[in-house]
């Protein structure tokens, strides 16, 4: 049986890694459907460790939306607009318009 070793990462590096995984999952599964367990599995950490960075699921989702707005991810912003997320609603007008253009009628 092999020995499993873990590398301790700097706090900001770990937070970025968690947030990036959550954004990727939101892109695939939906912003309101991401869970700590999914993110933990993606990053290979415990879901409890995520609470050190994002104390609630709401805090994680808020960070995901803020990151989506920051990078201009129209797909996630559209999801945020549909649930009246404050960060999505305060996104630049051009990003909100781009998000609405992704809707297929």
C-alpha atoms as a PDB file:
ATOM      1  CA  UNK A   1       0.000   0.000   0.000  1.00  0.00           C
ATOM      2  CA  UNK A   2       1.449   3.376  -1.038  1.00  0.00           C
ATOM      3  CA  UNK A   3       1.866   6.380   1.171  1.00  0.00           C
ATOM      4  CA  UNK A   4      -0.361   9.321   0.375  1.00  0.00           C
ATOM      5  CA  UNK A   5       1.273  12.699   0.807  1.00  0.00           C
ATOM      6  CA  UNK A   6      -0.397  16.067   0.784  1.00  0.00           C
ATOM      7  CA  UNK A   7       1.116  19.405  -0.002  1.00  0.00           C
ATOM      8  CA  UNK A   8       0.070  22.319   2.144  1.00  0.00           C
ATOM      9  CA  UNK A   9      -0.794  25.229  -0.102  1.00  0.00           C
ATOM     10  CA  UNK A  10      -0.785  28.903   0.717  1.00  0.00           C
ATOM     11  CA  UNK A  11      -4.181  30.197   1.765  1.00  0.00           C
ATOM     12  CA  UNK A  12      -4.784  32.402  -1.283  1.00  0.00           C
ATOM     13  CA  UNK A  13      -3.579  29.668  -3.640  1.00  0.00           C
ATOM     14  CA  UNK A  14      -5.994  27.147  -2.095  1.00  0.00           C
ATOM     15  CA  UNK A  15      -8.881  29.646  -2.178  1.00  0.00           C
ATOM     16  CA  UNK A  16      -8.219  30.333  -5.864  1.00  0.00           C
ATOM     17  CA  UNK A  17      -8.098  26.612  -6.594  1.00  0.00           C
ATOM     18  CA  UNK A  18     -11.432  26.035  -4.824  1.00  0.00           C
ATOM     19  CA  UNK A  19     -13.057  28.994  -6.562  1.00  0.00           C
ATOM     20  CA  UNK A  20     -11.816  27.921 -10.002  1.00  0.00           C
ATOM     21  CA  UNK A  21     -13.193  24.409  -9.480  1.00  0.00           C
ATOM     22  CA  UNK A  22     -16.536  25.852  -8.364  1.00  0.00           C
ATOM     23  CA  UNK A  23     -16.701  28.104 -11.441  1.00  0.00           C
ATOM     24  CA  UNK A  24     -15.975  25.142 -13.718  1.00  0.00           C
ATOM     25  CA  UNK A  25     -18.693  23.100 -12.014  1.00  0.00           C
ATOM     26  CA  UNK A  26     -21.166  25.982 -12.235  1.00  0.00           C
ATOM     27  CA  UNK A  27     -20.466  26.219 -15.955  1.00  0.00           C
ATOM     28  CA  UNK A  28     -21.335  22.531 -16.408  1.00  0.00           C
ATOM     29  CA  UNK A  29     -23.945  21.779 -13.742  1.00  0.00           C
ATOM     30  CA  UNK A  30     -25.422  25.189 -13.013  1.00  0.00           C
ATOM     31  CA  UNK A  31     -24.633  27.927 -10.542  1.00  0.00           C
ATOM     32  CA  UNK A  32     -27.381  27.014  -8.098  1.00  0.00           C
ATOM     33  CA  UNK A  33     -26.569  23.304  -8.231  1.00  0.00           C
ATOM     34  CA  UNK A  34     -22.934  23.284  -7.165  1.00  0.00           C
ATOM     35  CA  UNK A  35     -22.229  21.585  -3.846  1.00  0.00           C
ATOM     36  CA  UNK A  36     -19.275  21.567  -1.482  1.00  0.00           C
ATOM     37  CA  UNK A  37     -18.853  17.848  -2.075  1.00  0.00           C
ATOM     38  CA  UNK A  38     -18.540  18.328  -5.843  1.00  0.00           C
ATOM     39  CA  UNK A  39     -15.975  21.069  -5.393  1.00  0.00           C
ATOM     40  CA  UNK A  40     -14.047  19.098  -2.766  1.00  0.00           C
ATOM     41  CA  UNK A  41     -13.914  16.073  -5.030  1.00  0.00           C
ATOM     42  CA  UNK A  42     -12.698  18.181  -7.960  1.00  0.00           C
ATOM     43  CA  UNK A  43      -9.914  19.747  -5.855  1.00  0.00           C
ATOM     44  CA  UNK A  44      -9.164  16.542  -3.904  1.00  0.00           C
ATOM     45  CA  UNK A  45      -9.790  18.019  -0.459  1.00  0.00           C
ATOM     46  CA  UNK A  46     -12.408  17.520   2.232  1.00  0.00           C
ATOM     47  CA  UNK A  47     -15.636  19.467   2.030  1.00  0.00           C
ATOM     48  CA  UNK A  48     -14.904  20.682   5.564  1.00  0.00           C
ATOM     49  CA  UNK A  49     -11.765  22.424   4.339  1.00  0.00           C
ATOM     50  CA  UNK A  50     -13.873  24.449   1.919  1.00  0.00           C
ATOM     51  CA  UNK A  51     -15.684  25.913   4.936  1.00  0.00           C
ATOM     52  CA  UNK A  52     -12.405  27.495   6.047  1.00  0.00           C
ATOM     53  CA  UNK A  53     -12.516  29.598   2.894  1.00  0.00           C
ATOM     54  CA  UNK A  54     -16.260  29.863   2.248  1.00  0.00           C
ATOM     55  CA  UNK A  55     -18.194  29.410   5.514  1.00  0.00           C
ATOM     56  CA  UNK A  56     -21.534  28.839   3.787  1.00  0.00           C
ATOM     57  CA  UNK A  57     -22.661  27.499   0.449  1.00  0.00           C
ATOM     58  CA  UNK A  58     -24.133  30.945  -0.163  1.00  0.00           C
ATOM     59  CA  UNK A  59     -20.696  32.500   0.332  1.00  0.00           C
ATOM     60  CA  UNK A  60     -19.201  30.063  -2.181  1.00  0.00           C
ATOM     61  CA  UNK A  61     -21.920  30.773  -4.714  1.00  0.00           C
ATOM     62  CA  UNK A  62     -21.523  34.534  -4.207  1.00  0.00           C
ATOM     63  CA  UNK A  63     -17.801  34.205  -4.856  1.00  0.00           C
ATOM     64  CA  UNK A  64     -18.514  32.144  -7.981  1.00  0.00           C
ATOM     65  CA  UNK A  65     -20.854  34.823  -9.304  1.00  0.00           C
ATOM     66  CA  UNK A  66     -18.418  37.622  -8.499  1.00  0.00           C
ATOM     67  CA  UNK A  67     -15.697  35.712 -10.369  1.00  0.00           C
ATOM     68  CA  UNK A  68     -18.032  35.066 -13.300  1.00  0.00           C
ATOM     69  CA  UNK A  69     -18.760  38.785 -13.518  1.00  0.00           C
ATOM     70  CA  UNK A  70     -15.048  39.613 -13.197  1.00  0.00           C
ATOM     71  CA  UNK A  71     -14.044  37.321 -16.076  1.00  0.00           C
ATOM     72  CA  UNK A  72     -17.143  37.964 -18.175  1.00  0.00           C
ATOM     73  CA  UNK A  73     -18.650  34.459 -18.026  1.00  0.00           C
ATOM     74  CA  UNK A  74     -22.027  35.143 -19.634  1.00  0.00           C
ATOM     75  CA  UNK A  75     -23.381  31.626 -19.061  1.00  0.00           C
ATOM     76  CA  UNK A  76     -22.999  31.827 -15.289  1.00  0.00           C
ATOM     77  CA  UNK A  77     -24.122  35.461 -15.178  1.00  0.00           C
ATOM     78  CA  UNK A  78     -27.321  34.458 -16.994  1.00  0.00           C
ATOM     79  CA  UNK A  79     -27.958  31.847 -14.312  1.00  0.00           C
ATOM     80  CA  UNK A  80     -27.396  34.506 -11.663  1.00  0.00           C
ATOM     81  CA  UNK A  81     -29.786  36.897 -13.361  1.00  0.00           C
ATOM     82  CA  UNK A  82     -32.472  34.214 -13.355  1.00  0.00           C
ATOM     83  CA  UNK A  83     -32.293  33.944  -9.548  1.00  0.00           C
ATOM     84  CA  UNK A  84     -31.775  37.689  -9.013  1.00  0.00           C
ATOM     85  CA  UNK A  85     -28.238  37.298  -7.689  1.00  0.00           C
ATOM     86  CA  UNK A  86     -26.996  40.768  -6.605  1.00  0.00           C
ATOM     87  CA  UNK A  87     -23.583  40.382  -8.267  1.00  0.00           C
ATOM     88  CA  UNK A  88     -25.176  39.309 -11.555  1.00  0.00           C
ATOM     89  CA  UNK A  89     -27.676  42.134 -11.407  1.00  0.00           C
ATOM     90  CA  UNK A  90     -24.877  44.655 -10.830  1.00  0.00           C
ATOM     91  CA  UNK A  91     -22.790  43.299 -13.716  1.00  0.00           C
ATOM     92  CA  UNK A  92     -21.940  45.711 -16.517  1.00  0.00           C
ATOM     93  CA  UNK A  93     -24.819  46.230 -18.925  1.00  0.00           C
ATOM     94  CA  UNK A  94     -22.804  44.792 -21.810  1.00  0.00           C
ATOM     95  CA  UNK A  95     -22.214  41.541 -19.902  1.00  0.00           C
ATOM     96  CA  UNK A  96     -25.882  41.231 -18.979  1.00  0.00           C
ATOM     97  CA  UNK A  97     -26.830  41.789 -22.626  1.00  0.00           C
ATOM     98  CA  UNK A  98     -24.297  39.163 -23.709  1.00  0.00           C
ATOM     99  CA  UNK A  99     -25.744  36.767 -21.120  1.00  0.00           C
ATOM    100  CA  UNK A 100     -29.265  37.317 -22.400  1.00  0.00           C
ATOM    101  CA  UNK A 101     -28.086  36.671 -25.966  1.00  0.00           C
ATOM    102  CA  UNK A 102     -27.056  33.140 -24.929  1.00  0.00           C
ATOM    103  CA  UNK A 103     -30.708  32.231 -24.371  1.00  0.00           C
ATOM    104  CA  UNK A 104     -32.052  30.083 -27.179  1.00  0.00           C
ATOM    105  CA  UNK A 105     -35.732  30.547 -27.904  1.00  0.00           C
END
